[in-house]
Protein backbone atom coordinates (compact mmCIF):
# COMPACT_ATOMS: atom_id res chain seq x y z
CA MET A 1 13.64 -31.63 174.49
CA ARG A 2 14.36 -35.25 173.69
CA THR A 3 10.68 -36.11 173.88
CA TRP A 4 9.02 -33.12 172.25
CA GLY A 5 11.90 -31.56 170.32
CA PRO A 6 11.05 -33.37 167.05
CA LEU A 7 7.42 -32.26 167.32
CA THR A 8 8.50 -28.65 167.90
CA ALA A 9 10.81 -28.73 164.89
CA VAL A 10 8.19 -30.19 162.57
CA CYS A 11 5.45 -27.87 163.83
CA LEU A 12 7.62 -24.80 163.19
CA GLY A 13 7.92 -25.78 159.55
CA THR A 14 4.25 -26.69 159.22
CA PHE A 15 3.15 -23.41 160.79
CA MET A 16 5.27 -21.41 158.34
CA LEU A 17 4.18 -23.18 155.19
CA LEU A 18 0.46 -23.11 156.01
CA LEU A 19 0.67 -19.53 157.29
CA ASP A 20 1.98 -18.46 153.90
CA VAL A 21 -1.15 -19.79 152.19
CA THR A 22 -3.28 -17.08 153.86
CA ILE A 23 -0.93 -14.40 155.15
CA VAL A 24 -0.61 -12.72 151.74
CA VAL A 25 -4.37 -12.16 151.37
CA VAL A 26 -4.60 -8.85 153.24
CA ALA A 27 -1.31 -7.62 151.75
CA LEU A 28 -2.48 -7.88 148.12
CA PRO A 29 -3.62 -4.24 147.77
CA ASP A 30 -0.30 -2.93 149.13
CA MET A 31 1.60 -5.30 146.84
CA ALA A 32 -0.40 -4.05 143.87
CA ARG A 33 0.40 -0.40 144.67
CA SER A 34 4.07 -1.02 145.45
CA LEU A 35 4.84 -3.25 142.46
CA HIS A 36 2.25 -1.88 139.99
CA ALA A 37 0.80 -5.38 139.78
CA SER A 38 -2.23 -6.35 137.69
CA LEU A 39 -5.11 -8.60 138.73
CA SER A 40 -3.50 -11.62 137.08
CA ASP A 41 -0.25 -10.84 138.90
CA LEU A 42 -2.08 -10.86 142.22
CA GLN A 43 -3.81 -14.13 141.32
CA TRP A 44 -0.44 -15.72 140.63
CA VAL A 45 1.01 -14.38 143.89
CA VAL A 46 -1.61 -16.56 145.61
CA ASP A 47 -1.79 -19.39 143.07
CA GLY A 48 1.93 -19.75 142.34
CA TYR A 49 2.52 -20.95 145.89
CA ALA A 50 -0.50 -23.22 146.17
CA LEU A 51 0.04 -24.68 142.72
CA ALA A 52 3.70 -25.58 143.26
CA LEU A 53 2.77 -27.12 146.60
CA ALA A 54 0.01 -29.21 145.02
CA ALA A 55 1.90 -30.23 141.91
CA LEU A 56 5.03 -31.48 143.69
CA LEU A 57 3.71 -32.83 146.99
CA LEU A 58 3.30 -36.48 145.94
CA GLY A 59 6.52 -36.60 143.92
CA ILE A 60 8.70 -35.04 146.60
CA GLY A 61 7.13 -37.31 149.22
CA ALA A 62 8.17 -40.35 147.20
CA ALA A 63 11.66 -38.92 146.69
CA ALA A 64 12.00 -38.29 150.42
CA ASP A 65 11.28 -41.95 151.16
CA ILE A 66 14.38 -42.80 149.13
CA LEU A 67 16.73 -39.89 149.80
CA GLY A 68 15.93 -39.48 153.48
CA ARG A 69 13.01 -37.59 154.98
CA ARG A 70 14.99 -35.39 157.36
CA LYS A 71 17.42 -34.45 154.59
CA VAL A 72 14.58 -33.48 152.24
CA HIS A 73 12.73 -31.63 155.01
CA VAL A 74 15.78 -29.53 155.91
CA ALA A 75 16.43 -28.81 152.23
CA GLY A 76 12.80 -27.73 151.89
CA VAL A 77 13.05 -25.33 154.85
CA ALA A 78 16.28 -23.85 153.45
CA LEU A 79 14.69 -23.37 150.03
CA PHE A 80 11.59 -21.88 151.64
CA ALA A 81 13.74 -19.39 153.56
CA ALA A 82 15.73 -18.39 150.47
CA ALA A 83 12.53 -17.94 148.47
CA SER A 84 11.01 -15.88 151.31
CA LEU A 85 14.01 -13.56 151.15
CA LEU A 86 13.53 -13.19 147.39
CA CYS A 87 9.83 -12.46 147.92
CA GLY A 88 10.68 -9.69 150.37
CA LEU A 89 13.25 -8.20 148.00
CA ALA A 90 11.06 -8.46 144.89
CA SER A 91 11.33 -5.41 142.64
CA GLY A 92 8.43 -6.33 140.39
CA PRO A 93 5.44 -8.68 140.15
CA GLY A 94 7.28 -11.18 137.95
CA MET A 95 10.04 -11.66 140.52
CA LEU A 96 7.49 -11.97 143.32
CA VAL A 97 5.44 -14.61 141.49
CA ALA A 98 8.57 -16.63 140.65
CA ALA A 99 9.76 -16.44 144.25
CA ARG A 100 6.33 -17.51 145.51
CA ALA A 101 6.45 -20.56 143.24
CA LEU A 102 9.90 -21.37 144.61
CA GLN A 103 8.44 -21.04 148.12
CA GLY A 104 5.83 -23.59 147.11
CA VAL A 105 8.54 -26.07 146.09
CA GLY A 106 10.16 -25.73 149.50
CA ALA A 107 6.77 -26.02 151.20
CA ALA A 108 6.05 -29.23 149.30
CA ALA A 109 9.28 -30.76 150.61
CA MET A 110 8.36 -29.72 154.15
CA PHE A 111 4.73 -30.82 154.01
CA ALA A 112 5.42 -34.16 152.32
CA THR A 113 7.85 -35.20 155.08
CA THR A 114 5.94 -33.91 158.11
CA LEU A 115 3.77 -36.92 158.94
CA PRO A 116 6.38 -39.57 158.07
CA LEU A 117 8.92 -37.86 160.33
CA LEU A 118 6.48 -37.72 163.22
CA GLY A 119 5.47 -41.32 162.57
CA SER A 120 9.08 -42.46 162.73
CA VAL A 121 9.72 -40.74 166.08
CA TYR A 122 6.49 -41.20 168.05
CA HIS A 123 4.57 -44.39 168.73
CA GLY A 124 1.43 -45.42 170.52
CA ARG A 125 -0.20 -42.80 172.73
CA GLN A 126 2.68 -40.35 172.18
CA ARG A 127 2.08 -40.47 168.43
CA SER A 128 -1.62 -39.69 168.85
CA THR A 129 -0.78 -36.77 171.14
CA ALA A 130 1.88 -35.45 168.77
CA LEU A 131 -0.40 -35.64 165.76
CA GLY A 132 -3.20 -33.95 167.67
CA ILE A 133 -0.88 -31.04 168.52
CA TRP A 134 0.31 -30.92 164.90
CA GLY A 135 -3.31 -30.72 163.74
CA ALA A 136 -4.02 -27.84 166.13
CA VAL A 137 -0.96 -25.97 164.87
CA SER A 138 -2.10 -26.52 161.28
CA GLY A 139 -5.51 -25.05 162.00
CA GLY A 140 -4.05 -22.19 163.98
CA ALA A 141 -1.79 -21.14 161.11
CA ALA A 142 -4.76 -20.53 158.82
CA ALA A 143 -6.56 -18.57 161.53
CA VAL A 144 -3.56 -16.38 162.41
CA GLY A 145 -2.54 -15.69 158.80
CA PRO A 146 -4.87 -12.80 157.87
CA VAL A 147 -4.46 -11.01 161.21
CA LEU A 148 -0.67 -11.35 161.28
CA GLY A 149 -0.55 -10.32 157.62
CA GLY A 150 -2.55 -7.19 158.44
CA LEU A 151 -0.32 -6.27 161.38
CA LEU A 152 2.89 -6.68 159.40
CA THR A 153 1.54 -4.91 156.31
CA GLU A 154 0.28 -1.92 158.27
CA GLY A 155 3.38 -1.85 160.46
CA PRO A 156 6.80 -2.43 158.87
CA GLY A 157 5.30 -3.18 155.44
CA TRP A 158 4.13 -6.10 153.30
CA ARG A 159 7.66 -7.32 152.64
CA TRP A 160 7.90 -8.36 156.29
CA ILE A 161 5.28 -11.06 155.84
CA PHE A 162 8.14 -12.85 154.06
CA PHE A 163 11.13 -11.63 156.07
CA VAL A 164 9.55 -12.98 159.26
CA ASN A 165 10.07 -16.50 157.90
CA LEU A 166 13.86 -16.18 158.02
CA PRO A 167 14.53 -16.48 161.78
CA VAL A 168 11.84 -19.15 162.11
CA SER A 169 13.47 -21.14 159.30
CA VAL A 170 16.88 -20.95 160.98
CA ALA A 171 15.38 -22.22 164.24
CA SER A 172 13.53 -25.00 162.43
CA ILE A 173 16.66 -26.22 160.58
CA TRP A 174 18.82 -26.12 163.72
CA LEU A 175 16.26 -28.00 165.77
CA THR A 176 15.54 -30.56 163.06
CA LEU A 177 19.22 -31.42 162.59
CA ARG A 178 19.69 -31.67 166.33
CA VAL A 179 16.70 -33.74 167.49
CA VAL A 180 14.99 -35.39 164.49
CA PRO A 181 16.48 -38.73 163.39
CA GLU A 182 16.77 -39.65 159.72
CA SER A 183 14.24 -42.11 158.30
CA ARG A 184 13.46 -43.66 154.94
CA GLY A 185 10.72 -45.68 153.30
CA PRO A 186 10.87 -49.35 152.23
CA ARG A 187 13.81 -50.35 150.07
CA GLY A 188 13.33 -50.90 146.37
CA MET A 189 11.14 -47.85 145.80
CA ARG A 190 11.69 -45.66 142.75
CA ILE A 191 10.77 -42.04 142.14
CA ASP A 192 7.99 -41.56 139.60
CA TRP A 193 9.55 -38.57 137.86
CA ALA A 194 7.35 -38.94 134.78
CA GLY A 195 4.20 -38.93 136.88
CA THR A 196 5.41 -35.91 138.82
CA ALA A 197 6.17 -33.98 135.62
CA THR A 198 2.88 -34.80 133.87
CA PHE A 199 0.77 -33.97 136.92
CA ALA A 200 2.61 -30.67 137.39
CA GLY A 201 2.05 -29.91 133.70
CA PHE A 202 -1.66 -30.67 134.01
CA ALA A 203 -2.18 -28.54 137.14
CA GLY A 204 -0.12 -25.63 135.84
CA ALA A 205 -1.67 -25.52 132.38
CA LEU A 206 -5.21 -25.80 133.74
CA THR A 207 -4.74 -22.97 136.25
CA TYR A 208 -2.93 -20.78 133.72
CA GLY A 209 -5.76 -21.29 131.24
CA VAL A 210 -8.38 -20.19 133.74
CA VAL A 211 -6.41 -17.09 134.75
CA ARG A 212 -5.84 -16.10 131.11
CA ALA A 213 -9.50 -16.73 130.30
CA GLY A 214 -10.39 -14.01 132.77
CA SER A 215 -8.40 -11.42 130.83
CA ASP A 216 -8.50 -12.74 127.24
CA GLY A 217 -11.81 -14.61 127.07
CA TRP A 218 -12.49 -18.34 127.19
CA THR A 219 -12.21 -18.89 123.43
CA SER A 220 -9.03 -16.89 122.80
CA THR A 221 -5.81 -18.58 121.74
CA ALA A 222 -3.84 -18.67 125.01
CA PRO A 223 -6.57 -20.22 127.22
CA THR A 224 -7.56 -22.71 124.54
CA ALA A 225 -3.96 -23.82 124.05
CA SER A 226 -3.53 -24.13 127.83
CA PHE A 227 -6.61 -26.31 128.19
CA VAL A 228 -5.46 -28.56 125.34
CA LEU A 229 -2.04 -28.86 126.98
CA ALA A 230 -3.69 -29.66 130.32
CA ALA A 231 -5.76 -32.42 128.71
CA LEU A 232 -2.68 -33.91 127.05
CA ALA A 233 -0.73 -33.77 130.33
CA LEU A 234 -3.58 -35.46 132.18
CA ALA A 235 -3.73 -38.21 129.56
CA GLY A 236 0.02 -38.62 129.89
CA PHE A 237 -0.27 -38.85 133.67
CA VAL A 238 -2.88 -41.61 133.39
CA LEU A 239 -0.72 -43.60 130.96
CA VAL A 240 2.35 -43.23 133.16
CA GLU A 241 0.54 -44.23 136.35
CA ARG A 242 -0.84 -47.34 134.71
CA ARG A 243 2.61 -48.55 133.68
CA VAL A 244 5.11 -47.62 136.41
CA ALA A 245 5.90 -50.03 139.22
CA HIS A 246 5.56 -47.42 141.97
CA PRO A 247 2.97 -44.85 140.86
CA LEU A 248 2.24 -41.58 142.64
CA LEU A 249 -1.44 -42.53 142.56
CA ASP A 250 -2.77 -46.05 142.16
CA LEU A 251 -5.55 -45.45 139.62
CA SER A 252 -7.43 -48.51 140.85
CA LEU A 253 -8.37 -46.42 143.90
CA LEU A 254 -10.60 -44.36 141.59
CA ARG A 255 -12.84 -47.42 141.22
CA LYS A 256 -13.83 -46.98 144.86
CA PRO A 257 -16.82 -44.59 145.08
CA ALA A 258 -15.95 -43.58 148.64
CA PHE A 259 -12.42 -42.54 147.65
CA VAL A 260 -13.69 -40.62 144.62
CA GLY A 261 -16.26 -38.86 146.80
CA VAL A 262 -13.62 -37.77 149.30
CA MET A 263 -11.37 -36.50 146.49
CA VAL A 264 -14.26 -34.47 145.06
CA GLY A 265 -14.92 -33.03 148.49
CA ALA A 266 -11.24 -32.22 149.05
CA LEU A 267 -10.93 -30.54 145.64
CA ALA A 268 -13.96 -28.35 146.28
CA PHE A 269 -13.30 -27.65 149.95
CA ASN A 270 -10.42 -25.17 149.94
CA GLY A 271 -11.54 -23.48 146.73
CA VAL A 272 -15.12 -22.90 147.85
CA ALA A 273 -14.25 -21.92 151.42
CA PHE A 274 -11.32 -19.61 150.65
CA GLY A 275 -11.21 -18.89 146.90
CA VAL A 276 -13.24 -15.65 147.08
CA ILE A 277 -11.44 -14.26 150.16
CA PRO A 278 -8.56 -12.55 148.27
CA TYR A 279 -11.13 -10.46 146.37
CA LEU A 280 -13.06 -9.70 149.55
CA SER A 281 -9.82 -8.36 151.03
CA ILE A 282 -9.15 -6.18 147.97
CA TRP A 283 -12.75 -4.86 148.10
CA MET A 284 -12.57 -4.05 151.80
CA GLN A 285 -9.28 -2.15 151.56
CA THR A 286 -9.44 -0.42 148.17
CA VAL A 287 -13.18 0.27 147.91
CA LEU A 288 -14.33 0.48 151.53
CA GLY A 289 -11.08 2.07 152.71
CA MET A 290 -10.23 -0.35 155.51
CA SER A 291 -6.71 -0.65 156.90
CA PRO A 292 -4.85 -3.96 156.46
CA VAL A 293 -5.30 -4.79 160.15
CA ARG A 294 -9.03 -4.18 160.05
CA GLY A 295 -9.24 -6.12 156.80
CA GLY A 296 -7.61 -9.08 158.50
CA LEU A 297 -9.82 -8.81 161.57
CA THR A 298 -12.99 -8.93 159.45
CA LEU A 299 -12.15 -12.55 158.63
CA LEU A 300 -12.19 -13.59 162.30
CA PRO A 301 -15.84 -14.75 162.14
CA LEU A 302 -14.72 -17.40 159.65
CA THR A 303 -11.48 -18.47 161.32
CA GLY A 304 -12.92 -18.27 164.84
CA ALA A 305 -15.95 -20.39 163.96
CA SER A 306 -13.68 -22.91 162.23
CA VAL A 307 -11.43 -23.39 165.26
CA VAL A 308 -14.29 -23.57 167.78
CA VAL A 309 -16.33 -26.03 165.73
CA ALA A 310 -13.32 -28.25 165.02
CA ILE A 311 -12.63 -28.50 168.77
CA LEU A 312 -16.27 -29.18 169.66
CA ALA A 313 -16.72 -31.66 166.81
CA GLY A 314 -13.78 -33.66 168.08
CA LYS A 315 -15.48 -34.01 171.46
CA LEU A 316 -19.13 -34.36 170.52
CA LEU A 317 -19.26 -36.12 167.14
CA HIS A 318 -17.37 -39.30 167.92
CA GLY A 319 -18.72 -42.09 165.71
CA VAL A 320 -20.56 -39.82 163.25
CA PRO A 321 -19.88 -41.09 159.69
CA ALA A 322 -17.48 -39.00 157.62
CA ARG A 323 -20.02 -38.67 154.83
CA LEU A 324 -22.10 -36.53 157.18
CA THR A 325 -19.30 -34.37 158.54
CA ILE A 326 -17.73 -33.80 155.11
CA GLY A 327 -20.89 -33.70 153.01
CA GLY A 328 -22.80 -31.70 155.60
CA GLY A 329 -19.85 -29.39 156.12
CA LEU A 330 -19.63 -28.66 152.39
CA LEU A 331 -23.36 -27.91 152.31
CA LEU A 332 -22.81 -25.44 155.16
CA ILE A 333 -19.89 -23.86 153.30
CA GLY A 334 -22.03 -23.60 150.16
CA SER A 335 -24.85 -22.02 152.18
CA GLY A 336 -22.38 -19.57 153.70
CA ALA A 337 -21.17 -18.58 150.24
CA PHE A 338 -24.77 -17.94 149.16
CA CYS A 339 -25.30 -15.81 152.27
CA GLN A 340 -22.36 -13.61 151.24
CA ALA A 341 -24.03 -12.74 147.93
CA VAL A 342 -25.89 -9.81 149.53
CA LEU A 343 -23.65 -6.88 148.60
CA ASP A 344 -24.53 -3.70 146.72
CA ALA A 345 -23.08 -0.22 146.40
CA ASP A 346 -24.26 0.82 149.86
CA THR A 347 -23.78 -2.44 151.80
CA SER A 348 -21.57 -2.62 154.86
CA TRP A 349 -19.11 -5.49 155.24
CA THR A 350 -21.02 -6.59 158.36
CA MET A 351 -23.61 -8.13 156.04
CA LEU A 352 -20.99 -10.81 155.36
CA ILE A 353 -20.77 -11.99 158.98
CA PRO A 354 -23.55 -14.65 158.85
CA GLY A 355 -22.05 -16.13 155.69
CA LEU A 356 -18.53 -16.10 157.09
CA VAL A 357 -19.71 -17.87 160.24
CA LEU A 358 -21.45 -20.55 158.16
CA VAL A 359 -18.34 -21.08 156.05
CA GLY A 360 -16.21 -21.30 159.19
CA THR A 361 -18.64 -23.77 160.77
CA GLY A 362 -18.54 -25.99 157.69
CA THR A 363 -14.76 -25.77 157.60
CA GLY A 364 -14.63 -26.90 161.23
CA PHE A 365 -16.56 -30.04 160.27
CA VAL A 366 -14.70 -30.86 157.05
CA SER A 367 -11.06 -30.12 157.84
CA PRO A 368 -10.47 -32.59 160.73
CA SER A 369 -12.23 -35.51 159.05
CA ILE A 370 -11.42 -35.40 155.36
CA ALA A 371 -8.00 -37.08 155.57
CA GLY A 372 -9.37 -39.82 157.82
CA ALA A 373 -12.20 -40.49 155.36
CA ALA A 374 -9.74 -40.92 152.49
CA LEU A 375 -7.65 -43.36 154.52
CA ALA A 376 -10.71 -45.33 155.59
CA ALA A 377 -11.77 -45.71 151.95
CA VAL A 378 -8.56 -47.48 150.84
CA PRO A 379 -6.59 -50.56 151.91
CA GLN A 380 -4.05 -50.17 154.71
CA GLU A 381 -1.09 -50.40 152.34
CA ARG A 382 -2.40 -47.42 150.33
CA SER A 383 -3.03 -45.12 153.30
CA GLY A 384 0.10 -42.99 152.78
CA MET A 385 -0.77 -42.49 149.12
CA ALA A 386 -4.35 -41.54 150.02
CA GLY A 387 -3.23 -39.00 152.60
CA GLY A 388 -0.88 -37.38 150.12
CA ALA A 389 -3.60 -37.30 147.46
CA VAL A 390 -5.97 -35.46 149.82
CA ASN A 391 -3.42 -32.76 150.59
CA THR A 392 -2.58 -32.43 146.90
CA VAL A 393 -6.13 -31.93 145.66
CA ARG A 394 -6.92 -29.54 148.52
CA GLN A 395 -4.13 -27.19 147.44
CA LEU A 396 -5.01 -27.63 143.76
CA GLY A 397 -8.62 -26.81 144.60
CA TYR A 398 -7.53 -23.58 146.30
CA ALA A 399 -5.43 -22.54 143.30
CA LEU A 400 -8.28 -23.27 140.90
CA GLY A 401 -10.81 -21.57 143.17
CA VAL A 402 -8.83 -18.31 143.22
CA ALA A 403 -8.47 -18.46 139.43
CA VAL A 404 -12.06 -19.42 138.60
CA PHE A 405 -13.77 -17.03 141.01
CA GLY A 406 -11.49 -14.21 139.88
CA THR A 407 -12.59 -14.84 136.31
CA VAL A 408 -16.24 -14.90 137.37
CA LEU A 409 -15.74 -11.68 139.34
CA THR A 410 -14.27 -9.70 136.45
CA SER A 411 -16.74 -11.10 133.91
CA ARG A 412 -19.61 -9.81 136.02
CA MET A 413 -17.90 -6.42 136.52
CA GLN A 414 -17.77 -5.98 132.75
CA ASP A 415 -21.56 -5.64 132.71
CA THR A 416 -20.94 -2.22 134.30
CA LEU A 417 -17.36 -1.28 133.42
CA PRO A 418 -15.14 -1.60 130.34
CA HIS A 419 -12.84 -4.64 130.22
CA ASP A 420 -9.66 -2.84 131.30
CA ALA A 421 -11.42 -0.87 134.03
CA ALA A 422 -12.95 -4.06 135.47
CA HIS A 423 -9.54 -5.70 135.73
CA THR A 424 -7.98 -2.59 137.22
CA LEU A 425 -10.71 -2.40 139.87
CA ALA A 426 -10.46 -6.10 140.75
CA GLY A 427 -6.68 -5.74 141.02
CA GLY A 428 -6.94 -3.02 143.66
CA GLY A 429 -6.88 0.02 141.39
CA ALA A 430 -10.01 1.78 142.60
CA GLY A 431 -8.03 4.96 143.27
CA ALA A 432 -6.79 5.11 139.68
CA LEU A 433 -10.36 4.88 138.38
CA SER A 434 -11.91 7.41 140.76
CA GLY A 435 -11.47 10.29 138.33
CA THR A 436 -13.19 8.41 135.51
CA PHE A 437 -16.05 6.65 137.29
CA SER A 438 -18.15 7.69 140.25
CA GLU A 439 -17.61 6.06 143.62
CA HIS A 440 -21.11 4.60 143.46
CA THR A 441 -20.39 2.97 140.10
CA LEU A 442 -17.16 1.40 141.34
CA ARG A 443 -18.76 0.14 144.54
CA ALA A 444 -21.72 -1.30 142.64
CA ALA A 445 -19.50 -3.02 140.07
CA PHE A 446 -17.25 -4.66 142.68
CA ALA A 447 -20.22 -5.70 144.82
CA SER A 448 -21.98 -7.33 141.87
CA GLY A 449 -18.80 -9.18 140.95
CA LEU A 450 -18.38 -10.48 144.50
CA ASP A 451 -22.03 -11.54 144.62
CA THR A 452 -21.68 -13.55 141.41
CA ALA A 453 -18.42 -15.16 142.56
CA SER A 454 -20.07 -16.09 145.88
CA VAL A 455 -23.01 -17.66 144.08
CA ALA A 456 -20.60 -19.69 141.93
CA ALA A 457 -18.81 -20.83 145.09
CA GLY A 458 -22.15 -21.71 146.71
CA VAL A 459 -23.26 -23.83 143.76
CA THR A 460 -19.91 -25.64 143.73
CA GLY A 461 -20.10 -26.35 147.44
CA MET A 462 -23.66 -27.68 147.22
CA ILE A 463 -22.84 -30.00 144.33
CA ALA A 464 -19.70 -31.29 146.04
CA GLY A 465 -21.57 -31.83 149.31
CA ALA A 466 -24.32 -33.80 147.55
CA LEU A 467 -21.73 -35.98 145.77
CA VAL A 468 -19.96 -36.74 149.03
CA LEU A 469 -23.23 -37.75 150.68
CA MET A 470 -24.01 -40.07 147.77
CA LEU A 471 -20.57 -41.63 147.28
CA VAL A 472 -18.94 -41.85 150.70
CA ARG A 473 -20.53 -44.77 152.46
CA THR A 474 -17.66 -46.23 154.44
CA PRO A 475 -18.89 -48.78 157.00
CA ARG A 476 -16.19 -47.77 159.50
CA PRO A 477 -17.55 -44.79 161.41
CA ALA A 478 -14.89 -44.82 164.08
CA THR A 479 -12.20 -44.19 161.48
CA GLY A 480 -14.12 -41.66 159.48
CA SER A 481 -15.45 -39.54 162.29
CA ALA A 482 -14.39 -36.00 162.95
CA THR A 483 -12.47 -37.17 165.98
CA THR A 484 -10.05 -39.32 164.09
CA GLY A 485 -8.06 -36.80 162.10
CA ALA A 486 -5.03 -37.48 164.27
CA ALA A 487 -5.59 -41.24 164.29
CA SER A 488 -5.91 -41.27 160.52
CA ALA A 489 -2.79 -39.18 160.16
CA GLU A 490 -1.07 -41.69 162.43
CA LYS A 491 -2.13 -44.45 160.06
CA ALA A 492 -0.68 -42.54 157.11
CA ALA A 493 2.56 -41.84 158.94
CA ALA A 494 2.89 -45.48 159.92
CA ALA A 495 2.31 -46.57 156.33
CA ARG A 496 4.99 -44.17 155.09
CA GLY A 497 7.36 -44.85 157.98
């Protein structure tokens, strides 16, 4: 316990927070029926969590260096548990979305302190082993999420995807307080509250604008005002970061093409690979009539390929430059998205399998190496900042992907259906429309929307992959290879610890 207790405590928290990124996907149709939720409500159930996690990750990480990492981590787990309880007790979509955002705040506190805590406890070979196990747990959470979500939704009900967090949170807090020592960052640091606030304002306004554009139109008042607010917040963030002594993000890093390339890849990665999946789940359950368990199992080609490729890449691709693993992986993900654009009114879900396997294969290449590539592109003293930036833009990319591809989906559906009917269908309301439109019409409309969203994801992945191949030319292959995710994380933890 003395040796591996801290790793167990940290991994429990990491597993929960990453599981909750994907576990809700297969429960969305049941949530919509139970809470009478709209499409935009469902988008915010997914995005509220990812957005809060992305917006606060860097700021809370800096605060933890001052206040104490174990203290902040435990507070994050407690907040996550309380928010999970509120999610499970939600009586309407507004309460659920608010509770999901609160979950994201707790998750940010947990995620921001994970690597520094491990780095303060483990050293040398033990640290590499611990970080390797932590990486495997992180990947496993994403793979287990849809299947566990399906089992809980079809069994005791969707609310249990949140209630299950409560006993795990209690165990995590007890173990953390018992076996994880307190640690802090260098003295003299200050929290960049202004940077945290302006970045959160930018991310929130941008995502809100995209979601509202899907229902109101891109040129209507609410989306336009949101985009203007996002631009002002971004300008404010840049001004703040240029003037504060301890910025969340050193803007001089953006002068390095390799770092910019990795950030572009990280932003596109989660959105392109996973941004269409919530709508695939809604289509499978509400249009094709699948159960939640079967809906979760249909995603196994993606998650299985991702886990297998990540393991094999770690053994076989030692020394391969990160530009090839990340850029090539994004090209595979983009190709997989294109291969999913094959649906019509009579298509079986099995037509998606080749595309899902390609996306999973690309994910297996990108995920283990992207953090290491960011760290290799910056000076040693900026490695902690770079690692935090990668995690931030990955979660922001997922939130934006869900919003953008949902807007694309409904816009395409409106070629066949009226505006309100398209949004009802995309939000899981196929049953409510069955008396007005034929089954063939509904199936054709949803399929065409998914095809268009998949094409948009494919184009995004291809562009991002090409940019990574052009910009990321780090002459340190050993650091940037797919095998060095744990070593790079160790570097980040050491820099923060």
